[in-house]
Amino acid sequence: MTLTLFKNGKLTSAGRPGDDAVLVEDGFIKAVGKGSELSLQLPESGAAVIDWDGGHVLPGLVDAHVHLGMHGMKLDMLDFTGMTSKEEMLQAIRERAALTPPGEWILGLNWNENEFRPAAAPHISELDAVTLQHPVFLTRTCFHAFLGNSEAFRRAGVTASTPDFASGAYGRDGEGGLNGWIYEDAVQPFNEVQPAPDYTALKQAVRRGIADALSLGLTAVHTEDLRLLGSVETMLRIHRELREEGVLFRTHQLLYYAYLQEVEQLGLAAGSGDEWLRLGAVKLFADGAIGGRTALLEQPYSDEPGTSGIAIHTQEGLDEIVRAARRLGYPVAVHAIGDAAARMTLAAMQHKPLRPDAALPDRFIHAQVLNRSLVEQMASMRLIADIQPRFVASDFPWVLERVGPARAGYLYAWKKLLAAGIPCAGGSDAPIEPLSPFLGMHAAVTRCRPGERHEGYLPEEKLSPAEALRLFTEGSAVAAGEQQERGRITPGCRADFTVIDRDIMADAEEMLNVKVRMTVINGIAAYNAD
């Protein structure tokens, strides 16, 4: 038996007023109370005492939607986050090219032309002017659109006469020439010719992602990494080895649908695993993203009436993937941003319903453009909305021009989802957005970008600080089927805590200034700022 007393903390939403301590036994919370009282339950020797020194203690925060390995890879890539012009972007590429041996790929991510003035991304000719000695491949912030220079297109074997994909396209100028843009599944030829990281590099990327998550106060993440790691066995091996090496972190693994055959061959059941790694839903995409106008809408985009987006699968294709997942006993986790994609997703879920005794709910990922009937339909089903509040800070105000005023009433409508009784889990979608859960909470509460001072974008959808916190605690626990053991500071739950330096419940702006003091997992300090 291992006993640890954590004392002198300011507990959020736990116990009685004045409670400042938690007694932990073998990784579980045994009691919550006053330190002076709980200390009486300690034996004369063999117990540890950890002083939180007045820190504010939250239930262990969990990000319900990340790509952990890609986040780790991002830390080594050219990152355009925060850049405000294509000139700044091109200069960063120029500097990286000067340090990169000729012939090697230059990879970058997180550019957003909507933040540029003027709002234009580099043309292929401008990328070529920077370098033709390197293939340049750049991933937009949404991860649904890309840019390449001519050398990247040459290596991918894509020319102006190459036909578009059914679920993807190449951008073209008025004369039919390539302009450098690549949309959705048309990226496949580029992925195939890029050098694949070896096992050591993949493991190191996951390790880096975990270290960053711990420093930001996360005790666990729900992640989909199979498209990076390449196999279920590799994913399981990496996390097993990291655990054996002393890395303390929990993951809930979503399984990309293309790996269902391997899942079946390995005999892996939904919800199987242990306290460190559990298998979750089967992940698939119904559409793209609003930024690149590939999210699938019922009506055309207001700022480009010639398109309504891209469907990644037909309705029959979606139905077949859901049936394959159900046959193995799995729920599904479907990326659906536009209202047409939402309609298709809900239809596929209902054509082959989740079993009543299923351990995990279906997940409706993003849910950014909805309407009243879609929300009512969602509320009648056993699913959780897997939402990313930080998208509000990244996508407004330009998203209003994309969809127009008629659709604004159900745009990123988190409050309406909760009011309808739909459980919601909060995530970042890192590396698309910053991993910090506090930035997500700030966006949920203020509906503003950091530094802005106004009533918020669609302010009727603001959440309270308590609601925002629950997205990353109880909401994430429900999504993983772990609501009985995680998400609260109460006896019987796992001893996972996020300890920060300030009160974020009274003033949402304090969420932007948080410093994480300690991240505790199973009663052990996995990260300590000191």
Protein backbone atom coordinates (compact mmCIF):
# COMPACT_ATOMS: atom_id res chain seq x y z
CA MET A 1 0.00 0.00 0.00
CA THR A 2 1.33 3.44 -1.00
CA LEU A 3 -0.05 6.49 0.77
CA THR A 4 0.56 10.10 -0.23
CA LEU A 5 -0.90 13.23 1.34
CA PHE A 6 -1.18 16.27 -0.91
CA LYS A 7 -1.84 19.35 1.21
CA ASN A 8 -2.14 23.16 1.13
CA GLY A 9 -4.00 23.27 -2.17
CA LYS A 10 -6.97 25.37 -3.26
CA LEU A 11 -9.29 22.70 -4.56
CA THR A 12 -11.63 23.52 -7.45
CA SER A 13 -15.11 21.98 -7.27
CA ALA A 14 -14.26 19.42 -4.62
CA GLY A 15 -15.21 18.67 -1.04
CA ARG A 16 -16.33 21.18 1.57
CA PRO A 17 -15.32 24.83 1.83
CA GLY A 18 -11.91 24.92 3.43
CA ASP A 19 -10.82 21.50 2.21
CA ASP A 20 -7.23 21.82 1.08
CA ALA A 21 -5.86 18.28 0.96
CA VAL A 22 -6.25 14.94 -0.78
CA LEU A 23 -5.16 11.57 0.57
CA VAL A 24 -4.09 9.15 -2.15
CA GLU A 25 -3.78 5.40 -1.79
CA ASP A 26 -2.24 3.31 -4.57
CA GLY A 27 -3.09 5.87 -7.25
CA PHE A 28 -6.69 6.50 -6.18
CA ILE A 29 -8.20 9.29 -4.11
CA LYS A 30 -8.97 7.86 -0.69
CA ALA A 31 -10.21 11.02 1.02
CA VAL A 32 -10.65 14.76 0.49
CA GLY A 33 -10.57 17.12 3.44
CA LYS A 34 -8.46 19.40 5.57
CA GLY A 35 -4.78 18.60 5.74
CA SER A 36 -4.76 18.77 9.52
CA GLU A 37 -7.40 16.03 9.65
CA LEU A 38 -6.14 13.80 6.85
CA SER A 39 -2.62 13.80 8.29
CA LEU A 40 -3.98 11.87 11.25
CA GLN A 41 -4.65 8.93 8.89
CA LEU A 42 -0.99 8.62 7.94
CA PRO A 43 1.17 5.92 9.49
CA GLU A 44 4.24 6.98 11.43
CA SER A 45 6.44 6.02 8.48
CA GLY A 46 6.06 4.97 4.86
CA ALA A 47 3.84 7.81 3.67
CA ALA A 48 4.82 10.74 1.47
CA VAL A 49 3.65 14.31 2.00
CA ILE A 50 3.63 16.78 -0.90
CA ASP A 51 2.96 20.47 -0.30
CA TRP A 52 0.99 22.21 -3.04
CA ASP A 53 2.00 25.54 -1.47
CA GLY A 54 -1.29 27.32 -2.18
CA GLY A 55 -1.60 26.17 -5.78
CA HIS A 56 -5.02 25.94 -7.39
CA VAL A 57 -5.87 22.27 -7.92
CA LEU A 58 -8.05 21.12 -10.82
CA PRO A 59 -9.12 17.61 -11.73
CA GLY A 60 -6.50 16.24 -14.09
CA LEU A 61 -7.06 17.97 -17.44
CA VAL A 62 -7.57 15.76 -20.50
CA ASP A 63 -7.48 16.92 -24.12
CA ALA A 64 -10.11 14.90 -25.99
CA HIS A 65 -8.76 15.53 -29.48
CA VAL A 66 -5.08 15.68 -30.41
CA HIS A 67 -2.59 14.07 -32.75
CA LEU A 68 0.15 13.47 -30.23
CA GLY A 69 2.85 12.20 -32.57
CA MET A 70 2.26 14.97 -35.10
CA HIS A 71 2.40 17.51 -32.29
CA GLY A 72 5.80 16.10 -31.36
CA MET A 73 6.89 16.23 -35.01
CA LYS A 74 5.69 19.84 -35.24
CA LEU A 75 8.20 20.88 -32.63
CA ASP A 76 10.94 20.19 -35.24
CA MET A 77 9.13 21.67 -38.26
CA LEU A 78 8.95 25.15 -39.73
CA ASP A 79 6.00 26.65 -37.85
CA PHE A 80 4.14 29.61 -39.37
CA THR A 81 1.83 30.15 -36.38
CA GLY A 82 1.25 33.85 -35.77
CA MET A 83 2.66 35.06 -39.08
CA THR A 84 0.70 37.90 -40.64
CA SER A 85 1.86 38.03 -44.27
CA LYS A 86 3.01 35.75 -47.05
CA GLU A 87 6.26 37.75 -47.17
CA GLU A 88 6.98 36.73 -43.59
CA MET A 89 6.18 33.14 -44.51
CA LEU A 90 8.45 33.21 -47.57
CA GLN A 91 11.30 34.70 -45.53
CA ALA A 92 11.03 31.85 -43.02
CA ILE A 93 11.24 29.34 -45.88
CA ARG A 94 14.23 31.20 -47.32
CA GLU A 95 16.05 31.02 -43.99
CA ARG A 96 15.29 27.31 -43.60
CA ALA A 97 16.46 26.64 -47.18
CA ALA A 98 19.82 28.24 -46.41
CA LEU A 99 20.32 25.69 -43.61
CA THR A 100 18.95 22.66 -45.46
CA PRO A 101 21.11 20.49 -47.76
CA PRO A 102 19.95 20.66 -51.41
CA GLY A 103 17.50 17.91 -52.28
CA GLU A 104 16.08 17.54 -48.78
CA TRP A 105 12.44 18.39 -48.09
CA ILE A 106 11.44 21.61 -46.37
CA LEU A 107 8.30 20.92 -44.36
CA GLY A 108 6.20 23.55 -42.63
CA LEU A 109 2.77 23.89 -41.10
CA ASN A 110 0.14 26.14 -39.54
CA TRP A 111 -0.04 28.92 -42.12
CA ASN A 112 -3.38 30.72 -42.37
CA GLU A 113 -3.83 33.11 -45.27
CA ASN A 114 -6.96 34.53 -43.59
CA GLU A 115 -4.63 36.15 -41.05
CA PHE A 116 -2.52 37.77 -43.80
CA ARG A 117 -2.94 41.29 -45.12
CA PRO A 118 -3.73 41.01 -47.95
CA ALA A 119 -5.39 37.61 -47.40
CA ALA A 120 -3.36 35.60 -49.91
CA ALA A 121 -1.07 32.60 -49.61
CA PRO A 122 2.12 32.30 -51.68
CA HIS A 123 1.67 31.23 -55.30
CA ILE A 124 3.72 28.32 -56.61
CA SER A 125 5.88 30.80 -58.54
CA GLU A 126 6.73 32.64 -55.33
CA LEU A 127 7.71 29.38 -53.63
CA ASP A 128 9.84 28.53 -56.66
CA ALA A 129 11.58 31.91 -56.42
CA VAL A 130 12.67 31.02 -52.89
CA THR A 131 14.07 27.60 -53.81
CA LEU A 132 13.92 24.98 -56.51
CA GLN A 133 16.77 23.03 -54.93
CA HIS A 134 14.43 21.71 -52.24
CA PRO A 135 10.92 20.26 -52.48
CA VAL A 136 8.76 22.52 -50.31
CA PHE A 137 5.57 21.13 -48.77
CA LEU A 138 3.50 23.25 -46.40
CA THR A 139 0.45 22.20 -44.40
CA ARG A 140 -2.29 24.74 -43.78
CA THR A 141 -3.48 25.27 -40.21
CA CYS A 142 -6.59 23.16 -40.89
CA PHE A 143 -4.53 20.16 -42.17
CA HIS A 144 -6.99 19.87 -45.07
CA ALA A 145 -5.15 22.06 -47.60
CA PHE A 146 -1.49 22.26 -48.55
CA LEU A 147 1.00 24.18 -50.66
CA GLY A 148 3.90 22.87 -52.70
CA ASN A 149 6.59 24.28 -54.95
CA SER A 150 7.29 22.92 -58.43
CA GLU A 151 9.95 20.52 -57.16
CA ALA A 152 7.45 18.98 -54.73
CA PHE A 153 4.92 18.59 -57.56
CA ARG A 154 7.61 17.06 -59.80
CA ARG A 155 8.54 14.46 -57.19
CA ALA A 156 4.87 13.66 -56.59
CA GLY A 157 4.36 13.17 -60.33
CA VAL A 158 1.59 15.76 -60.45
CA THR A 159 1.29 18.03 -63.49
CA ALA A 160 -1.30 20.46 -64.78
CA SER A 161 -2.90 17.59 -66.69
CA THR A 162 -3.20 15.32 -63.63
CA PRO A 163 -6.90 14.73 -62.90
CA ASP A 164 -8.37 15.69 -59.54
CA PHE A 165 -9.35 13.07 -56.99
CA ALA A 166 -13.01 12.35 -56.25
CA SER A 167 -12.26 13.53 -52.71
CA GLY A 168 -9.54 16.05 -53.41
CA ALA A 169 -8.28 18.61 -55.92
CA TYR A 170 -5.31 20.62 -57.17
CA GLY A 171 -5.60 24.37 -57.23
CA ARG A 172 -5.39 25.99 -60.65
CA ASP A 173 -5.11 29.49 -62.04
CA GLY A 174 -7.36 31.00 -64.71
CA GLU A 175 -5.41 29.29 -67.49
CA GLY A 176 -5.52 25.83 -65.92
CA GLY A 177 -1.97 25.88 -64.57
CA LEU A 178 -1.11 24.69 -61.06
CA ASN A 179 -1.11 27.43 -58.44
CA GLY A 180 0.50 25.36 -55.66
CA TRP A 181 -2.63 24.46 -53.69
CA ILE A 182 -3.47 20.86 -52.84
CA TYR A 183 -6.81 19.90 -51.26
CA GLU A 184 -7.84 16.90 -49.16
CA ASP A 185 -7.01 13.42 -50.57
CA ALA A 186 -5.13 14.88 -53.53
CA VAL A 187 -2.24 15.10 -51.05
CA GLN A 188 -1.61 11.35 -51.29
CA PRO A 189 1.07 11.48 -54.03
CA PHE A 190 3.01 14.03 -51.97
CA ASN A 191 2.85 11.91 -48.81
CA GLU A 192 4.07 8.87 -50.72
CA VAL A 193 7.29 10.52 -51.92
CA GLN A 194 8.29 12.19 -48.66
CA PRO A 195 10.85 10.27 -46.59
CA ALA A 196 9.09 8.35 -43.83
CA PRO A 197 10.46 8.79 -40.28
CA ASP A 198 11.96 5.60 -38.83
CA TYR A 199 10.83 3.96 -35.59
CA THR A 200 13.29 5.91 -33.46
CA ALA A 201 12.07 9.23 -34.88
CA LEU A 202 8.42 8.27 -34.38
CA LYS A 203 9.02 7.25 -30.78
CA GLN A 204 10.92 10.46 -30.11
CA ALA A 205 8.05 12.49 -31.60
CA VAL A 206 5.56 10.82 -29.25
CA ARG A 207 7.94 11.36 -26.32
CA ARG A 208 8.28 15.08 -27.16
CA GLY A 209 4.51 15.41 -27.50
CA ILE A 210 3.96 13.84 -24.07
CA ALA A 211 6.59 16.05 -22.42
CA ASP A 212 4.94 19.17 -23.82
CA ALA A 213 1.47 17.97 -22.77
CA LEU A 214 2.63 17.35 -19.20
CA SER A 215 4.19 20.81 -18.97
CA LEU A 216 0.82 22.28 -20.02
CA GLY A 217 -1.06 20.47 -17.25
CA LEU A 218 -2.48 17.59 -19.29
CA THR A 219 -2.68 14.23 -17.57
CA ALA A 220 -4.03 12.41 -20.64
CA VAL A 221 -5.04 12.89 -24.25
CA HIS A 222 -7.37 11.22 -26.72
CA THR A 223 -5.23 10.88 -29.83
CA GLU A 224 -5.26 9.49 -33.35
CA ASP A 225 -1.71 8.73 -34.51
CA LEU A 226 -2.04 5.73 -36.78
CA ARG A 227 -1.76 7.75 -39.98
CA LEU A 228 1.67 8.85 -38.74
CA LEU A 229 2.85 5.70 -36.96
CA GLY A 230 1.77 3.33 -39.71
CA SER A 231 0.48 0.36 -37.70
CA VAL A 232 -1.39 -0.54 -34.54
CA GLU A 233 1.52 -2.71 -33.40
CA THR A 234 3.93 0.22 -33.71
CA MET A 235 1.59 2.44 -31.70
CA LEU A 236 1.24 -0.14 -28.94
CA ARG A 237 4.98 -0.81 -28.87
CA ILE A 238 5.93 2.87 -28.61
CA HIS A 239 3.61 3.53 -25.68
CA ARG A 240 4.58 0.29 -23.92
CA GLU A 241 8.28 1.14 -24.18
CA LEU A 242 7.77 4.72 -23.00
CA ARG A 243 5.84 3.45 -19.99
CA GLU A 244 8.61 0.94 -19.21
CA GLU A 245 11.08 3.83 -19.42
CA GLY A 246 9.17 5.71 -16.73
CA VAL A 247 7.04 8.09 -18.79
CA LEU A 248 3.79 8.69 -16.90
CA PHE A 249 0.94 9.65 -19.21
CA ARG A 250 -2.45 8.27 -20.22
CA THR A 251 -3.69 7.95 -23.80
CA HIS A 252 -7.06 7.01 -25.24
CA GLN A 253 -6.34 5.87 -28.80
CA LEU A 254 -8.71 6.49 -31.70
CA LEU A 255 -8.12 4.01 -34.53
CA TYR A 256 -8.10 5.29 -38.10
CA TYR A 257 -10.52 3.19 -40.13
CA ALA A 258 -7.90 2.03 -42.66
CA TYR A 259 -6.35 -0.09 -39.87
CA LEU A 260 -9.49 -2.02 -38.98
CA GLN A 261 -8.15 -5.20 -40.57
CA GLU A 262 -5.08 -5.09 -38.34
CA VAL A 263 -7.29 -4.40 -35.31
CA GLU A 264 -9.29 -7.51 -36.16
CA GLN A 265 -6.17 -9.62 -36.73
CA LEU A 266 -4.79 -8.59 -33.35
CA GLY A 267 -8.10 -9.37 -31.66
CA LEU A 268 -8.36 -5.93 -30.03
CA ALA A 269 -11.70 -4.96 -28.52
CA ALA A 270 -13.09 -1.46 -28.04
CA GLY A 271 -12.17 -0.17 -24.59
CA SER A 272 -9.42 -2.75 -24.12
CA GLY A 273 -6.07 -1.83 -22.64
CA ASP A 274 -5.00 -0.71 -19.20
CA GLU A 275 -4.89 2.44 -17.10
CA TRP A 276 -2.21 3.94 -19.36
CA LEU A 277 -3.53 3.15 -22.84
CA ARG A 278 -7.04 2.24 -23.94
CA LEU A 279 -8.52 1.75 -27.38
CA GLY A 280 -11.39 3.99 -28.39
CA ALA A 281 -13.52 4.64 -31.45
CA VAL A 282 -12.81 4.12 -35.14
CA LYS A 283 -11.88 7.48 -36.71
CA LEU A 284 -12.93 8.64 -40.17
CA PHE A 285 -13.58 11.84 -42.10
CA ALA A 286 -16.82 12.98 -43.69
CA ASP A 287 -15.50 16.29 -45.04
CA GLY A 288 -12.69 18.83 -44.84
CA ALA A 289 -12.42 22.27 -43.24
CA ILE A 290 -14.02 25.69 -43.64
CA GLY A 291 -10.74 27.55 -44.14
CA GLY A 292 -9.96 25.77 -47.40
CA ARG A 293 -13.68 25.60 -48.32
CA THR A 294 -13.61 21.81 -48.21
CA ALA A 295 -16.10 21.43 -45.34
CA LEU A 296 -19.27 20.03 -46.92
CA LEU A 297 -22.21 22.46 -46.74
CA GLU A 298 -25.87 21.99 -47.69
CA GLN A 299 -25.75 25.31 -49.57
CA PRO A 300 -22.77 26.88 -51.37
CA TYR A 301 -20.20 28.99 -49.57
CA SER A 302 -21.38 32.58 -49.26
CA ASP A 303 -18.03 33.97 -50.40
CA GLU A 304 -17.56 31.42 -53.23
CA PRO A 305 -20.93 30.27 -54.59
CA GLY A 306 -19.26 27.87 -57.02
CA THR A 307 -18.48 25.30 -54.31
CA SER A 308 -20.20 23.58 -51.40
CA GLY A 309 -17.10 21.70 -50.22
CA ILE A 310 -15.85 18.15 -50.63
CA ALA A 311 -17.38 14.89 -49.44
CA ILE A 312 -14.62 12.48 -48.42
CA HIS A 313 -16.99 9.50 -48.83
CA THR A 314 -20.34 8.90 -50.45
CA GLN A 315 -23.22 8.08 -48.11
CA GLU A 316 -22.80 4.44 -49.05
CA GLY A 317 -19.11 4.63 -48.32
CA LEU A 318 -19.72 6.14 -44.88
CA ASP A 319 -22.34 3.52 -44.13
CA GLU A 320 -19.95 0.71 -45.05
CA ILE A 321 -17.17 1.99 -42.76
CA VAL A 322 -19.61 2.33 -39.86
CA ARG A 323 -20.89 -1.22 -40.49
CA ALA A 324 -17.30 -2.54 -40.48
CA ALA A 325 -16.62 -0.82 -37.15
CA ARG A 326 -19.86 -2.09 -35.61
CA ARG A 327 -19.08 -5.66 -36.71
CA LEU A 328 -15.97 -5.49 -34.48
CA GLY A 329 -17.91 -3.86 -31.63
CA TYR A 330 -16.47 -0.36 -32.07
CA PRO A 331 -18.11 3.06 -31.90
CA VAL A 332 -17.14 5.57 -34.57
CA ALA A 333 -15.57 9.02 -34.31
CA VAL A 334 -16.47 11.03 -37.41
CA HIS A 335 -14.92 14.34 -38.43
CA ALA A 336 -17.88 16.39 -39.68
CA ILE A 337 -17.62 20.17 -39.91
CA GLY A 338 -20.25 21.24 -42.45
CA ASP A 339 -24.00 20.73 -42.09
CA ALA A 340 -24.16 18.40 -45.11
CA ALA A 341 -21.38 16.28 -43.61
CA ALA A 342 -23.27 16.30 -40.31
CA ARG A 343 -26.41 15.00 -42.02
CA MET A 344 -24.46 12.20 -43.72
CA THR A 345 -22.66 11.31 -40.48
CA LEU A 346 -25.82 11.04 -38.40
CA ALA A 347 -27.49 8.99 -41.12
CA ALA A 348 -24.57 6.54 -41.17
CA MET A 349 -24.67 6.21 -37.37
CA GLN A 350 -28.40 5.56 -37.44
CA HIS A 351 -28.29 3.15 -40.36
CA LYS A 352 -26.16 0.89 -38.14
CA PRO A 353 -26.87 1.99 -34.55
CA LEU A 354 -24.48 1.56 -31.65
CA ARG A 355 -25.32 -1.45 -29.47
CA PRO A 356 -27.16 -0.46 -26.26
CA ASP A 357 -24.51 -2.20 -24.14
CA ALA A 358 -21.54 -0.58 -25.91
CA ALA A 359 -18.91 0.65 -23.45
CA LEU A 360 -18.16 3.83 -25.41
CA PRO A 361 -20.34 6.41 -27.19
CA ASP A 362 -20.02 7.49 -30.80
CA ARG A 363 -18.11 10.74 -31.25
CA PHE A 364 -19.24 13.58 -33.48
CA ILE A 365 -16.04 15.51 -34.11
CA HIS A 366 -15.97 19.33 -34.59
CA ALA A 367 -19.72 19.97 -35.29
CA GLN A 368 -19.03 23.52 -36.42
CA VAL A 369 -21.91 24.22 -38.83
CA LEU A 370 -25.23 22.81 -37.63
CA ASN A 371 -28.92 23.66 -37.58
CA ARG A 372 -31.82 23.06 -35.21
CA SER A 373 -32.92 19.74 -36.73
CA LEU A 374 -29.36 18.35 -36.66
CA VAL A 375 -28.96 19.27 -32.98
CA GLU A 376 -32.30 17.65 -32.16
CA GLN A 377 -31.22 14.53 -34.01
CA MET A 378 -27.89 14.45 -32.16
CA ALA A 379 -29.68 14.80 -28.83
CA SER A 380 -31.74 11.69 -29.57
CA MET A 381 -28.65 9.54 -30.12
CA ARG A 382 -25.94 8.11 -27.88
CA LEU A 383 -23.03 10.28 -28.93
CA ILE A 384 -20.72 12.91 -27.58
CA ALA A 385 -19.76 16.12 -29.35
CA ASP A 386 -15.98 16.25 -29.61
CA ILE A 387 -15.48 20.04 -29.87
CA GLN A 388 -12.49 22.38 -30.15
CA PRO A 389 -13.31 25.75 -28.56
CA ARG A 390 -10.01 27.29 -29.66
CA PHE A 391 -11.30 27.23 -33.25
CA VAL A 392 -13.42 30.25 -32.31
CA ALA A 393 -10.27 32.30 -31.73
CA SER A 394 -8.68 31.13 -34.99
CA ASP A 395 -11.66 31.22 -37.34
CA PHE A 396 -13.57 34.38 -36.45
CA PRO A 397 -14.39 36.82 -37.92
CA TRP A 398 -13.51 35.49 -41.41
CA VAL A 399 -15.65 32.35 -40.99
CA LEU A 400 -18.76 34.56 -41.01
CA GLU A 401 -17.96 35.56 -44.59
CA ARG A 402 -17.56 31.90 -45.57
CA VAL A 403 -20.94 30.72 -44.30
CA GLY A 404 -23.03 33.92 -44.34
CA PRO A 405 -25.50 35.28 -41.77
CA ALA A 406 -28.25 32.71 -42.43
CA ARG A 407 -26.11 29.93 -40.92
CA ALA A 408 -24.59 31.92 -38.07
CA GLY A 409 -27.19 30.86 -35.48
CA TYR A 410 -25.73 27.36 -35.23
CA LEU A 411 -22.09 28.19 -35.89
CA TYR A 412 -19.70 26.73 -33.27
CA ALA A 413 -22.82 26.52 -31.11
CA TRP A 414 -21.39 24.89 -27.98
CA LYS A 415 -24.00 26.39 -25.63
CA LYS A 416 -26.86 25.04 -27.74
CA LEU A 417 -25.28 21.57 -27.74
CA LEU A 418 -25.03 21.55 -23.94
CA ALA A 419 -28.54 22.99 -23.55
CA ALA A 420 -29.86 20.13 -25.72
CA GLY A 421 -28.33 17.63 -23.29
CA ILE A 422 -25.53 16.56 -25.65
CA PRO A 423 -22.36 15.71 -23.68
CA CYS A 424 -19.37 17.68 -24.92
CA ALA A 425 -15.66 16.93 -24.60
CA GLY A 426 -13.04 19.60 -25.15
CA GLY A 427 -9.93 19.26 -27.25
CA SER A 428 -7.35 21.35 -29.08
CA ASP A 429 -6.80 19.35 -32.29
CA ALA A 430 -3.09 20.02 -31.80
CA PRO A 431 -0.93 20.50 -33.80
CA ILE A 432 -3.64 22.39 -35.71
CA GLU A 433 -4.21 24.60 -32.64
CA PRO A 434 -1.99 25.23 -29.60
CA LEU A 435 -2.09 22.34 -27.14
CA SER A 436 -2.70 24.41 -23.99
CA PRO A 437 -6.15 23.55 -22.56
CA PHE A 438 -6.32 26.99 -20.98
CA LEU A 439 -6.40 28.64 -24.41
CA GLY A 440 -9.35 26.41 -25.29
CA MET A 441 -11.15 27.34 -22.08
CA HIS A 442 -10.53 31.04 -22.69
CA ALA A 443 -12.05 30.80 -26.17
CA ALA A 444 -15.07 28.90 -24.82
CA VAL A 445 -15.74 31.53 -22.14
CA THR A 446 -14.96 34.76 -24.02
CA ARG A 447 -15.58 33.83 -27.69
CA CYS A 448 -12.68 36.25 -28.35
CA ARG A 449 -9.12 36.02 -29.52
CA PRO A 450 -6.48 36.68 -26.86
CA GLY A 451 -6.07 40.42 -26.49
CA GLU A 452 -9.47 41.32 -27.93
CA ARG A 453 -11.98 43.21 -25.84
CA HIS A 454 -15.56 42.87 -27.07
CA GLU A 455 -18.70 40.91 -26.25
CA GLY A 456 -17.49 37.91 -28.23
CA TYR A 457 -18.26 36.31 -31.56
CA LEU A 458 -21.85 35.05 -31.32
CA PRO A 459 -21.82 35.81 -27.58
CA GLU A 460 -24.98 33.81 -26.87
CA GLU A 461 -22.77 30.72 -27.22
CA LYS A 462 -20.37 31.67 -24.41
CA LEU A 463 -19.80 29.04 -21.75
CA SER A 464 -19.30 29.70 -18.06
CA PRO A 465 -15.82 29.01 -16.63
CA ALA A 466 -17.21 25.92 -14.89
CA GLU A 467 -18.71 24.62 -18.16
CA ALA A 468 -15.43 25.25 -19.96
CA LEU A 469 -13.48 23.36 -17.29
CA ARG A 470 -15.89 20.43 -17.49
CA LEU A 471 -15.15 20.06 -21.21
CA PHE A 472 -11.58 19.07 -20.31
CA THR A 473 -12.45 17.01 -17.23
CA GLU A 474 -15.84 15.30 -16.97
CA GLY A 475 -16.58 15.68 -20.68
CA SER A 476 -13.36 13.96 -21.70
CA ALA A 477 -14.04 11.22 -19.16
CA VAL A 478 -17.51 10.54 -20.62
CA ALA A 479 -16.05 10.35 -24.14
CA ALA A 480 -13.63 7.66 -22.96
CA GLY A 481 -16.23 5.77 -20.90
CA GLU A 482 -14.27 6.63 -17.76
CA GLN A 483 -16.70 8.95 -15.97
CA GLN A 484 -16.66 6.72 -12.86
CA GLU A 485 -12.92 7.13 -12.29
CA ARG A 486 -11.79 10.41 -13.85
CA GLY A 487 -12.79 14.04 -14.20
CA ARG A 488 -13.51 14.85 -10.54
CA ILE A 489 -11.65 15.27 -7.26
CA THR A 490 -13.61 12.81 -5.20
CA PRO A 491 -12.91 9.53 -3.35
CA GLY A 492 -12.70 6.56 -5.68
CA CYS A 493 -11.40 8.52 -8.67
CA ARG A 494 -7.88 8.29 -10.03
CA ALA A 495 -5.45 10.66 -8.37
CA ASP A 496 -4.88 12.88 -11.41
CA PHE A 497 -4.48 16.61 -10.71
CA THR A 498 -3.47 19.73 -12.59
CA VAL A 499 -1.98 22.33 -10.22
CA ILE A 500 -1.78 25.93 -11.45
CA ASP A 501 -0.70 29.26 -10.02
CA ARG A 502 -3.97 31.23 -10.19
CA ASP A 503 -7.77 31.16 -10.00
CA ILE A 504 -9.26 30.78 -13.49
CA MET A 505 -12.87 30.56 -12.32
CA ALA A 506 -13.24 34.22 -11.35
CA ASP A 507 -11.61 35.91 -14.35
CA ALA A 508 -11.34 34.25 -17.75
CA GLU A 509 -8.45 36.50 -18.75
CA GLU A 510 -6.35 34.72 -16.14
CA MET A 511 -6.58 31.63 -18.35
CA LEU A 512 -4.13 33.33 -20.70
CA ASN A 513 -1.53 33.80 -17.96
CA VAL A 514 -1.64 30.39 -16.28
CA LYS A 515 1.57 28.74 -15.21
CA VAL A 516 1.38 25.03 -14.46
CA ARG A 517 3.08 24.16 -11.20
CA MET A 518 2.57 20.41 -11.17
CA THR A 519 0.91 17.65 -13.17
CA VAL A 520 0.02 14.64 -11.01
CA ILE A 521 -0.88 11.25 -12.50
CA ASN A 522 -1.80 8.28 -10.31
CA GLY A 523 -0.62 10.21 -7.28
CA ILE A 524 2.84 10.81 -8.77
CA ALA A 525 4.20 14.17 -9.92
CA ALA A 526 4.82 13.49 -13.62
CA TYR A 527 5.75 17.16 -14.14
CA ASN A 528 6.97 19.66 -11.59
CA ALA A 529 7.84 23.21 -12.62
CA ASP A 530 10.32 23.45 -9.75
